[in-house]
Amino acid sequence: MTRKLLFICSRNRLRSPTAEQVFADRGGVETASAGLSPDAENPLTPELLAWADIVFVMERAHRTKLSAVFGKWLGDKRVVCLDIPDDYAFMEPRLVVLLEARVSRHLPSH
């Protein structure tokens, strides 16, 4: 069974697109990313939330905003906070290492 992973940050420009790309080629998962800000590259929608099996947010503030704005679409969806601050460039090696360490434990093992 394929797990659908949705990565969320504020503007969907650095952290969540990096995560989407890092895990896109993993077996057993599909990835997408979105942002919570109105000016996000790919703004979060109820449809994206419905698609996802696990939602990863980068910061606690994202979890709070996600619940406040999209709570009625979250249902019993699993939301994991990665605690990754907005201190990294797109595909920065340190960010990739952090994502690997914090996301991998939530993925199906092969």
Protein backbone atom coordinates (compact mmCIF):
# COMPACT_ATOMS: atom_id res chain seq x y z
CA MET A 1 0.00 0.00 0.00
CA THR A 2 1.32 3.41 -0.96
CA ARG A 3 1.43 6.07 1.79
CA LYS A 4 0.65 9.61 0.70
CA LEU A 5 2.83 12.20 2.46
CA LEU A 6 1.94 15.88 2.52
CA PHE A 7 4.62 18.36 3.65
CA ILE A 8 3.49 21.79 4.82
CA CYS A 9 5.38 24.99 5.63
CA SER A 10 4.44 28.65 5.33
CA ARG A 11 5.10 29.68 1.75
CA ASN A 12 5.98 26.34 0.11
CA ARG A 13 9.26 27.68 -1.26
CA LEU A 14 12.07 26.04 0.76
CA ARG A 15 11.35 23.40 3.41
CA SER A 16 8.24 21.60 2.18
CA PRO A 17 9.31 21.46 -1.51
CA THR A 18 12.68 20.10 -0.35
CA ALA A 19 10.92 17.39 1.66
CA GLU A 20 8.63 16.58 -1.26
CA GLN A 21 11.64 16.14 -3.55
CA VAL A 22 13.78 14.20 -1.03
CA PHE A 23 11.10 11.55 -0.47
CA ALA A 24 9.56 11.51 -3.98
CA ASP A 25 11.67 8.57 -5.14
CA ARG A 26 11.12 6.41 -2.05
CA GLY A 27 9.35 3.16 -2.60
CA GLY A 28 5.89 2.91 -1.10
CA VAL A 29 5.22 6.65 -0.85
CA GLU A 30 3.81 9.48 -2.90
CA THR A 31 4.63 13.07 -1.94
CA ALA A 32 3.14 16.53 -2.24
CA SER A 33 3.79 19.86 -0.57
CA ALA A 34 1.85 23.03 0.17
CA GLY A 35 2.00 26.25 2.11
CA LEU A 36 -0.34 27.80 4.66
CA SER A 37 0.17 31.43 3.57
CA PRO A 38 -2.15 32.97 0.97
CA ASP A 39 0.94 33.79 -1.15
CA ALA A 40 2.29 30.22 -1.03
CA GLU A 41 3.63 28.72 -4.26
CA ASN A 42 1.11 25.90 -3.85
CA PRO A 43 -1.50 26.91 -1.24
CA LEU A 44 -2.99 24.16 0.90
CA THR A 45 -6.47 22.99 -0.10
CA PRO A 46 -9.02 20.66 1.51
CA GLU A 47 -8.49 18.34 -1.49
CA LEU A 48 -4.77 18.00 -0.73
CA LEU A 49 -5.58 17.21 2.90
CA ALA A 50 -8.10 14.58 1.82
CA TRP A 51 -5.45 12.99 -0.43
CA ALA A 52 -2.81 12.69 2.31
CA ASP A 53 -2.33 9.78 4.72
CA ILE A 54 0.20 11.65 6.89
CA VAL A 55 0.63 15.41 7.12
CA PHE A 56 4.05 16.75 8.10
CA VAL A 57 4.33 20.35 9.33
CA MET A 58 7.66 22.06 9.82
CA GLU A 59 6.83 24.04 12.99
CA ARG A 60 4.34 24.01 15.86
CA ALA A 61 2.88 27.27 14.55
CA HIS A 62 2.00 25.45 11.31
CA ARG A 63 0.12 22.77 13.26
CA THR A 64 -1.81 25.49 15.11
CA LYS A 65 -2.72 27.33 11.91
CA LEU A 66 -3.56 24.06 10.15
CA SER A 67 -6.01 23.14 12.91
CA ALA A 68 -7.51 26.64 13.02
CA VAL A 69 -8.04 27.03 9.27
CA PHE A 70 -8.46 23.45 8.05
CA GLY A 71 -9.68 21.68 11.21
CA LYS A 72 -12.95 20.48 9.72
CA TRP A 73 -11.02 18.74 6.91
CA LEU A 74 -8.39 17.18 9.17
CA GLY A 75 -10.65 14.61 10.80
CA ASP A 76 -8.47 11.92 12.37
CA LYS A 77 -5.58 12.66 10.01
CA ARG A 78 -2.14 12.07 11.51
CA VAL A 79 -0.21 15.36 11.79
CA VAL A 80 3.51 15.17 12.61
CA CYS A 81 5.49 18.26 13.60
CA LEU A 82 9.12 18.04 12.43
CA ASP A 83 10.37 21.07 14.43
CA ILE A 84 12.45 22.40 11.54
CA PRO A 85 12.86 26.20 11.62
CA ASP A 86 12.89 28.40 8.54
CA ASP A 87 16.71 28.58 8.47
CA TYR A 88 17.52 26.63 5.32
CA ALA A 89 17.75 27.08 1.57
CA PHE A 90 15.97 24.81 -0.92
CA MET A 91 17.72 21.41 -1.01
CA GLU A 92 20.39 22.59 1.45
CA PRO A 93 22.33 19.48 2.56
CA ARG A 94 21.78 20.20 6.29
CA LEU A 95 18.03 20.41 5.66
CA VAL A 96 18.05 17.14 3.72
CA VAL A 97 19.86 15.38 6.60
CA LEU A 98 17.34 16.76 9.13
CA LEU A 99 14.38 15.68 6.99
CA GLU A 100 15.84 12.19 6.50
CA ALA A 101 16.28 11.80 10.26
CA ARG A 102 12.87 13.14 11.29
CA VAL A 103 10.61 11.82 8.53
CA SER A 104 12.06 8.34 7.91
CA ARG A 105 10.81 6.90 11.21
CA HIS A 106 7.23 7.61 10.06
CA LEU A 107 7.62 5.83 6.73
CA PRO A 108 6.87 2.23 5.85
CA SER A 109 10.01 0.13 6.06
CA HIS A 110 11.03 -1.95 3.07
